[in-house]
Structures are given as C-alpha cells and as structure tokens.
Amino acid sequence: MSQVAPPRLPPVALDDDDGLNRLRLRLWQWWVAFITVLITAWLISLGPIPGIIAVLVAKHILVAVLVMGMGLDAKNS
C-alpha cells in the first residue's frame, strides 16, 4: 500500500517568530488605513467629483493594505 505525504500547511500571513516586525507592520497598516479614510472623507466634503475620485483611490489603497497583511505579496521560500 502506497503512502501519501500529508498536505503542506497553508501559508500564514506572517511568521509567528517575527515579534516586533509583525507589530510594526500591523501598526503601519492601521495608520495607513486611518489616514486614507480621513483624506477620503475630507475630499468627499469638497464635492462630488473629488469625492468619487477619492473613493476610487481609497479602495485601491485599502485593498493593497489588506493583500499585504494577508501575506500574498511575500515571496515563498
């Protein structure tokens, strides 16, 4: 009877051994998201055209921060 190796574990966002670097990344993500939302809200108050453009740009920024936090941009070793 042949034996099959167990499947590899799915990639985790960041290694648990990272400590301070992981905290620094999470704080940076919160800060960028917060600033993005504040700037977007300010631009929305200027009118509909700047508001629409701000929402479109903010969506891309927030998705990029999310993808980075999930570790999808990290190189697999």
PDB file of N, CA and C in Angstrom:
ATOM      1  N   MET A   1       0.838  -1.164   0.000  1.00  0.00           N
ATOM      2  CA  MET A   1       0.000   0.000   0.000  1.00  0.00           C
ATOM      3  C   MET A   1       0.894   1.242   0.000  1.00  0.00           C
ATOM      4  N   SER A   2       0.642   2.169  -0.930  1.00  0.00           N
ATOM      5  CA  SER A   2       1.479   3.368  -1.003  1.00  0.00           C
ATOM      6  C   SER A   2       1.031   4.385   0.040  1.00  0.00           C
ATOM      7  N   GLN A   3       1.999   5.153   0.478  1.00  0.00           N
ATOM      8  CA  GLN A   3       1.710   6.177   1.474  1.00  0.00           C
ATOM      9  C   GLN A   3       1.851   7.553   0.828  1.00  0.00           C
ATOM     10  N   VAL A   4       0.965   8.429   1.188  1.00  0.00           N
ATOM     11  CA  VAL A   4       0.978   9.773   0.645  1.00  0.00           C
ATOM     12  C   VAL A   4       1.360  10.738   1.772  1.00  0.00           C
ATOM     13  N   ALA A   5       2.238  11.654   1.446  1.00  0.00           N
ATOM     14  CA  ALA A   5       2.654  12.644   2.443  1.00  0.00           C
ATOM     15  C   ALA A   5       1.484  13.568   2.755  1.00  0.00           C
ATOM     16  N   PRO A   6       1.405  14.050   3.987  1.00  0.00           N
ATOM     17  CA  PRO A   6       0.315  14.974   4.327  1.00  0.00           C
ATOM     18  C   PRO A   6       0.461  16.274   3.536  1.00  0.00           C
ATOM     19  N   PRO A   7      -0.623  16.957   3.284  1.00  0.00           N
ATOM     20  CA  PRO A   7      -0.530  18.210   2.516  1.00  0.00           C
ATOM     21  C   PRO A   7       0.228  19.277   3.297  1.00  0.00           C
ATOM     22  N   ARG A   8       0.839  20.173   2.548  1.00  0.00           N
ATOM     23  CA  ARG A   8       1.563  21.273   3.183  1.00  0.00           C
ATOM     24  C   ARG A   8       0.574  22.199   3.862  1.00  0.00           C
ATOM     25  N   LEU A   9       0.994  22.805   4.946  1.00  0.00           N
ATOM     26  CA  LEU A   9       0.144  23.752   5.650  1.00  0.00           C
ATOM     27  C   LEU A   9      -0.045  24.999   4.792  1.00  0.00           C
ATOM     28  N   PRO A  10      -1.215  25.613   4.853  1.00  0.00           N
ATOM     29  CA  PRO A  10      -1.415  26.832   4.069  1.00  0.00           C
ATOM     30  C   PRO A  10      -0.520  27.946   4.578  1.00  0.00           C
ATOM     31  N   PRO A  11      -0.135  28.868   3.692  1.00  0.00           N
ATOM     32  CA  PRO A  11       0.730  29.962   4.144  1.00  0.00           C
ATOM     33  C   PRO A  11      -0.003  30.858   5.133  1.00  0.00           C
ATOM     34  N   VAL A  12       0.740  31.288   6.132  1.00  0.00           N
ATOM     35  CA  VAL A  12       0.194  32.175   7.151  1.00  0.00           C
ATOM     36  C   VAL A  12       0.629  33.589   6.792  1.00  0.00           C
ATOM     37  N   ALA A  13      -0.154  34.585   7.209  1.00  0.00           N
ATOM     38  CA  ALA A  13       0.133  35.971   6.838  1.00  0.00           C
ATOM     39  C   ALA A  13       1.587  36.331   7.151  1.00  0.00           C
ATOM     40  N   LEU A  14       1.995  36.112   8.360  1.00  0.00           N
ATOM     41  CA  LEU A  14       3.385  36.370   8.752  1.00  0.00           C
ATOM     42  C   LEU A  14       3.799  35.305   9.744  1.00  0.00           C
ATOM     43  N   ASP A  15       5.068  35.057   9.806  1.00  0.00           N
ATOM     44  CA  ASP A  15       5.584  34.071  10.746  1.00  0.00           C
ATOM     45  C   ASP A  15       5.322  34.527  12.174  1.00  0.00           C
ATOM     46  N   ASP A  16       5.076  33.589  13.064  1.00  0.00           N
ATOM     47  CA  ASP A  16       4.837  33.944  14.458  1.00  0.00           C
ATOM     48  C   ASP A  16       6.120  34.350  15.185  1.00  0.00           C
ATOM     49  N   ASP A  17       7.265  34.043  14.600  1.00  0.00           N
ATOM     50  CA  ASP A  17       8.540  34.353  15.252  1.00  0.00           C
ATOM     51  C   ASP A  17       8.981  35.793  15.003  1.00  0.00           C
ATOM     52  N   ASP A  18       8.209  36.550  14.267  1.00  0.00           N
ATOM     53  CA  ASP A  18       8.644  37.867  13.828  1.00  0.00           C
ATOM     54  C   ASP A  18       8.605  38.926  14.930  1.00  0.00           C
ATOM     55  N   GLY A  19       7.734  38.775  15.890  1.00  0.00           N
ATOM     56  CA  GLY A  19       7.700  39.668  17.039  1.00  0.00           C
ATOM     57  C   GLY A  19       7.462  41.120  16.704  1.00  0.00           C
ATOM     58  N   LEU A  20       8.491  41.945  16.897  1.00  0.00           N
ATOM     59  CA  LEU A  20       8.372  43.390  16.746  1.00  0.00           C
ATOM     60  C   LEU A  20       8.095  43.804  15.303  1.00  0.00           C
ATOM     61  N   ASN A  21       8.660  43.102  14.338  1.00  0.00           N
ATOM     62  CA  ASN A  21       8.405  43.442  12.939  1.00  0.00           C
ATOM     63  C   ASN A  21       6.940  43.243  12.581  1.00  0.00           C
ATOM     64  N   ARG A  22       6.329  42.200  13.109  1.00  0.00           N
ATOM     65  CA  ARG A  22       4.917  41.949  12.850  1.00  0.00           C
ATOM     66  C   ARG A  22       4.056  43.054  13.466  1.00  0.00           C
ATOM     67  N   LEU A  23       4.369  43.456  14.684  1.00  0.00           N
ATOM     68  CA  LEU A  23       3.645  44.541  15.337  1.00  0.00           C
ATOM     69  C   LEU A  23       3.809  45.834  14.552  1.00  0.00           C
ATOM     70  N   ARG A  24       5.021  46.111  14.115  1.00  0.00           N
ATOM     71  CA  ARG A  24       5.288  47.321  13.344  1.00  0.00           C
ATOM     72  C   ARG A  24       4.480  47.328  12.048  1.00  0.00           C
ATOM     73  N   LEU A  25       4.404  46.197  11.377  1.00  0.00           N
ATOM     74  CA  LEU A  25       3.630  46.103  10.139  1.00  0.00           C
ATOM     75  C   LEU A  25       2.150  46.330  10.406  1.00  0.00           C
ATOM     76  N   ARG A  26       1.612  45.721  11.454  1.00  0.00           N
ATOM     77  CA  ARG A  26       0.186  45.884  11.781  1.00  0.00           C
ATOM     78  C   ARG A  26      -0.137  47.327  12.140  1.00  0.00           C
ATOM     79  N   LEU A  27       0.734  47.970  12.911  1.00  0.00           N
ATOM     80  CA  LEU A  27       0.505  49.371  13.256  1.00  0.00           C
ATOM     81  C   LEU A  27       0.581  50.260  12.015  1.00  0.00           C
ATOM     82  N   TRP A  28       1.514  49.956  11.126  1.00  0.00           N
ATOM     83  CA  TRP A  28       1.631  50.712   9.881  1.00  0.00           C
ATOM     84  C   TRP A  28       0.370  50.534   9.036  1.00  0.00           C
ATOM     85  N   GLN A  29      -0.183  49.326   8.995  1.00  0.00           N
ATOM     86  CA  GLN A  29      -1.408  49.082   8.233  1.00  0.00           C
ATOM     87  C   GLN A  29      -2.580  49.879   8.810  1.00  0.00           C
ATOM     88  N   TRP A  30      -2.714  49.884  10.133  1.00  0.00           N
ATOM     89  CA  TRP A  30      -3.784  50.659  10.761  1.00  0.00           C
ATOM     90  C   TRP A  30      -3.607  52.142  10.465  1.00  0.00           C
ATOM     91  N   TRP A  31      -2.383  52.622  10.550  1.00  0.00           N
ATOM     92  CA  TRP A  31      -2.120  54.035  10.323  1.00  0.00           C
ATOM     93  C   TRP A  31      -2.454  54.426   8.879  1.00  0.00           C
ATOM     94  N   VAL A  32      -2.020  53.665   7.907  1.00  0.00           N
ATOM     95  CA  VAL A  32      -2.300  53.965   6.504  1.00  0.00           C
ATOM     96  C   VAL A  32      -3.801  53.910   6.232  1.00  0.00           C
ATOM     97  N   ALA A  33      -4.484  52.917   6.778  1.00  0.00           N
ATOM     98  CA  ALA A  33      -5.930  52.819   6.585  1.00  0.00           C
ATOM     99  C   ALA A  33      -6.643  54.022   7.208  1.00  0.00           C
ATOM    100  N   PHE A  34      -6.240  54.416   8.391  1.00  0.00           N
ATOM    101  CA  PHE A  34      -6.853  55.554   9.074  1.00  0.00           C
ATOM    102  C   PHE A  34      -6.651  56.847   8.292  1.00  0.00           C
ATOM    103  N   ILE A  35      -5.425  57.099   7.850  1.00  0.00           N
ATOM    104  CA  ILE A  35      -5.123  58.304   7.078  1.00  0.00           C
ATOM    105  C   ILE A  35      -5.885  58.291   5.757  1.00  0.00           C
ATOM    106  N   THR A  36      -5.981  57.145   5.121  1.00  0.00           N
ATOM    107  CA  THR A  36      -6.718  57.030   3.866  1.00  0.00           C
ATOM    108  C   THR A  36      -8.187  57.386   4.057  1.00  0.00           C
ATOM    109  N   VAL A  37      -8.782  56.880   5.109  1.00  0.00           N
ATOM    110  CA  VAL A  37     -10.195  57.178   5.381  1.00  0.00           C
ATOM    111  C   VAL A  37     -10.384  58.659   5.695  1.00  0.00           C
ATOM    112  N   LEU A  38      -9.480  59.245   6.473  1.00  0.00           N
ATOM    113  CA  LEU A  38      -9.594  60.676   6.791  1.00  0.00           C
ATOM    114  C   LEU A  38      -9.471  61.552   5.546  1.00  0.00           C
ATOM    115  N   ILE A  39      -8.494  61.269   4.711  1.00  0.00           N
ATOM    116  CA  ILE A  39      -8.310  62.065   3.489  1.00  0.00           C
ATOM    117  C   ILE A  39      -9.502  61.879   2.558  1.00  0.00           C
ATOM    118  N   THR A  40     -10.012  60.666   2.471  1.00  0.00           N
ATOM    119  CA  THR A  40     -11.179  60.407   1.625  1.00  0.00           C
ATOM    120  C   THR A  40     -12.389  61.184   2.130  1.00  0.00           C
ATOM    121  N   ALA A  41     -12.619  61.182   3.430  1.00  0.00           N
ATOM    122  CA  ALA A  41     -13.747  61.929   3.992  1.00  0.00           C
ATOM    123  C   ALA A  41     -13.595  63.426   3.732  1.00  0.00           C
ATOM    124  N   TRP A  42     -12.384  63.934   3.834  1.00  0.00           N
ATOM    125  CA  TRP A  42     -12.159  65.356   3.568  1.00  0.00           C
ATOM    126  C   TRP A  42     -12.430  65.680   2.101  1.00  0.00           C
ATOM    127  N   LEU A  43     -11.962  64.829   1.195  1.00  0.00           N
ATOM    128  CA  LEU A  43     -12.190  65.079  -0.228  1.00  0.00           C
ATOM    129  C   LEU A  43     -13.664  64.948  -0.603  1.00  0.00           C
ATOM    130  N   ILE A  44     -14.387  64.075   0.070  1.00  0.00           N
ATOM    131  CA  ILE A  44     -15.822  63.951  -0.180  1.00  0.00           C
ATOM    132  C   ILE A  44     -16.525  65.254   0.189  1.00  0.00           C
ATOM    133  N   SER A  45     -16.044  65.936   1.214  1.00  0.00           N
ATOM    134  CA  SER A  45     -16.671  67.185   1.628  1.00  0.00           C
ATOM    135  C   SER A  45     -16.428  68.317   0.624  1.00  0.00           C
ATOM    136  N   LEU A  46     -15.488  68.150  -0.297  1.00  0.00           N
ATOM    137  CA  LEU A  46     -15.201  69.189  -1.290  1.00  0.00           C
ATOM    138  C   LEU A  46     -16.151  69.155  -2.483  1.00  0.00           C
ATOM    139  N   GLY A  47     -16.844  68.040  -2.656  1.00  0.00           N
ATOM    140  CA  GLY A  47     -17.782  67.959  -3.768  1.00  0.00           C
ATOM    141  C   GLY A  47     -17.860  66.560  -4.332  1.00  0.00           C
ATOM    142  N   PRO A  48     -18.768  66.358  -5.302  1.00  0.00           N
ATOM    143  CA  PRO A  48     -18.976  65.008  -5.818  1.00  0.00           C
ATOM    144  C   PRO A  48     -17.816  64.466  -6.660  1.00  0.00           C
ATOM    145  N   ILE A  49     -17.220  65.298  -7.498  1.00  0.00           N
ATOM    146  CA  ILE A  49     -16.136  64.803  -8.365  1.00  0.00           C
ATOM    147  C   ILE A  49     -14.899  64.428  -7.538  1.00  0.00           C
ATOM    148  N   PRO A  50     -14.397  65.298  -6.665  1.00  0.00           N
ATOM    149  CA  PRO A  50     -13.262  64.880  -5.834  1.00  0.00           C
ATOM    150  C   PRO A  50     -13.624  63.701  -4.929  1.00  0.00           C
ATOM    151  N   GLY A  51     -14.884  63.654  -4.500  1.00  0.00           N
ATOM    152  CA  GLY A  51     -15.325  62.551  -3.642  1.00  0.00           C
ATOM    153  C   GLY A  51     -15.293  61.214  -4.360  1.00  0.00           C
ATOM    154  N   ILE A  52     -15.779  61.189  -5.579  1.00  0.00           N
ATOM    155  CA  ILE A  52     -15.783  59.936  -6.354  1.00  0.00           C
ATOM    156  C   ILE A  52     -14.356  59.482  -6.623  1.00  0.00           C
ATOM    157  N   ILE A  53     -13.500  60.415  -7.017  1.00  0.00           N
ATOM    158  CA  ILE A  53     -12.099  60.068  -7.283  1.00  0.00           C
ATOM    159  C   ILE A  53     -11.425  59.576  -6.001  1.00  0.00           C
ATOM    160  N   ALA A  54     -11.720  60.231  -4.882  1.00  0.00           N
ATOM    161  CA  ALA A  54     -11.122  59.829  -3.602  1.00  0.00           C
ATOM    162  C   ALA A  54     -11.558  58.427  -3.202  1.00  0.00           C
ATOM    163  N   VAL A  55     -12.836  58.112  -3.395  1.00  0.00           N
ATOM    164  CA  VAL A  55     -13.322  56.776  -3.030  1.00  0.00           C
ATOM    165  C   VAL A  55     -12.668  55.719  -3.907  1.00  0.00           C
ATOM    166  N   LEU A  56     -12.509  55.998  -5.197  1.00  0.00           N
ATOM    167  CA  LEU A  56     -11.872  55.027  -6.093  1.00  0.00           C
ATOM    168  C   LEU A  56     -10.406  54.790  -5.713  1.00  0.00           C
ATOM    169  N   VAL A  57      -9.701  55.858  -5.387  1.00  0.00           N
ATOM    170  CA  VAL A  57      -8.291  55.712  -4.999  1.00  0.00           C
ATOM    171  C   VAL A  57      -8.187  55.023  -3.642  1.00  0.00           C
ATOM    172  N   ALA A  58      -9.058  55.396  -2.704  1.00  0.00           N
ATOM    173  CA  ALA A  58      -9.024  54.794  -1.370  1.00  0.00           C
ATOM    174  C   ALA A  58      -9.296  53.298  -1.436  1.00  0.00           C
ATOM    175  N   LYS A  59     -10.203  52.902  -2.309  1.00  0.00           N
ATOM    176  CA  LYS A  59     -10.491  51.470  -2.461  1.00  0.00           C
ATOM    177  C   LYS A  59      -9.233  50.712  -2.855  1.00  0.00           C
ATOM    178  N   HIS A  60      -8.479  51.245  -3.781  1.00  0.00           N
ATOM    179  CA  HIS A  60      -7.257  50.568  -4.220  1.00  0.00           C
ATOM    180  C   HIS A  60      -6.204  50.536  -3.114  1.00  0.00           C
ATOM    181  N   ILE A  61      -6.076  51.615  -2.385  1.00  0.00           N
ATOM    182  CA  ILE A  61      -5.101  51.659  -1.299  1.00  0.00           C
ATOM    183  C   ILE A  61      -5.463  50.656  -0.209  1.00  0.00           C
ATOM    184  N   LEU A  62      -6.736  50.629   0.183  1.00  0.00           N
ATOM    185  CA  LEU A  62      -7.153  49.729   1.264  1.00  0.00           C
ATOM    186  C   LEU A  62      -7.056  48.266   0.851  1.00  0.00           C
ATOM    187  N   VAL A  63      -7.349  47.950  -0.403  1.00  0.00           N
ATOM    188  CA  VAL A  63      -7.196  46.565  -0.865  1.00  0.00           C
ATOM    189  C   VAL A  63      -5.713  46.180  -0.879  1.00  0.00           C
ATOM    190  N   ALA A  64      -4.846  47.106  -1.262  1.00  0.00           N
ATOM    191  CA  ALA A  64      -3.406  46.816  -1.250  1.00  0.00           C
ATOM    192  C   ALA A  64      -2.909  46.556   0.165  1.00  0.00           C
ATOM    193  N   VAL A  65      -3.395  47.320   1.133  1.00  0.00           N
ATOM    194  CA  VAL A  65      -3.003  47.108   2.528  1.00  0.00           C
ATOM    195  C   VAL A  65      -3.513  45.753   3.008  1.00  0.00           C
ATOM    196  N   LEU A  66      -4.739  45.404   2.633  1.00  0.00           N
ATOM    197  CA  LEU A  66      -5.304  44.110   3.016  1.00  0.00           C
ATOM    198  C   LEU A  66      -4.497  42.957   2.427  1.00  0.00           C
ATOM    199  N   VAL A  67      -4.164  43.048   1.153  1.00  0.00           N
ATOM    200  CA  VAL A  67      -3.399  41.982   0.496  1.00  0.00           C
ATOM    201  C   VAL A  67      -2.021  41.854   1.122  1.00  0.00           C
ATOM    202  N   MET A  68      -1.410  42.981   1.455  1.00  0.00           N
ATOM    203  CA  MET A  68      -0.103  42.927   2.102  1.00  0.00           C
ATOM    204  C   MET A  68      -0.206  42.269   3.474  1.00  0.00           C
ATOM    205  N   GLY A  69      -1.270  42.557   4.206  1.00  0.00           N
ATOM    206  CA  GLY A  69      -1.455  41.964   5.524  1.00  0.00           C
ATOM    207  C   GLY A  69      -1.716  40.470   5.461  1.00  0.00           C
ATOM    208  N   MET A  70      -2.310  40.014   4.362  1.00  0.00           N
ATOM    209  CA  MET A  70      -2.562  38.584   4.210  1.00  0.00           C
ATOM    210  C   MET A  70      -1.309  37.831   3.776  1.00  0.00           C
ATOM    211  N   GLY A  71      -0.270  38.562   3.402  1.00  0.00           N
ATOM    212  CA  GLY A  71       0.988  37.926   3.027  1.00  0.00           C
ATOM    213  C   GLY A  71       1.023  37.461   1.583  1.00  0.00           C
ATOM    214  N   LEU A  72       0.106  37.919   0.766  1.00  0.00           N
ATOM    215  CA  LEU A  72       0.089  37.485  -0.624  1.00  0.00           C
ATOM    216  C   LEU A  72       1.198  38.106  -1.446  1.00  0.00           C
ATOM    217  N   ASP A  73       1.800  39.175  -0.946  1.00  0.00           N
ATOM    218  CA  ASP A  73       2.902  39.806  -1.660  1.00  0.00           C
ATOM    219  C   ASP A  73       4.264  39.230  -1.246  1.00  0.00           C
ATOM    220  N   ALA A  74       4.282  38.422  -0.198  1.00  0.00           N
ATOM    221  CA  ALA A  74       5.541  37.868   0.306  1.00  0.00           C
ATOM    222  C   ALA A  74       6.060  36.778  -0.631  1.00  0.00           C
ATOM    223  N   LYS A  75       7.368  36.703  -0.739  1.00  0.00           N
ATOM    224  CA  LYS A  75       7.976  35.660  -1.556  1.00  0.00           C
ATOM    225  C   LYS A  75       7.967  34.341  -0.790  1.00  0.00           C
ATOM    226  N   ASN A  76       7.546  33.285  -1.456  1.00  0.00           N
ATOM    227  CA  ASN A  76       7.530  31.956  -0.829  1.00  0.00           C
ATOM    228  C   ASN A  76       8.948  31.408  -0.792  1.00  0.00           C
ATOM    229  N   SER A  77       9.312  30.824   0.319  1.00  0.00           N
ATOM    230  CA  SER A  77      10.661  30.270   0.428  1.00  0.00           C
ATOM    231  C   SER A  77      10.638  28.777   0.323  1.00  0.00           C
TER     232      SER A  77
END
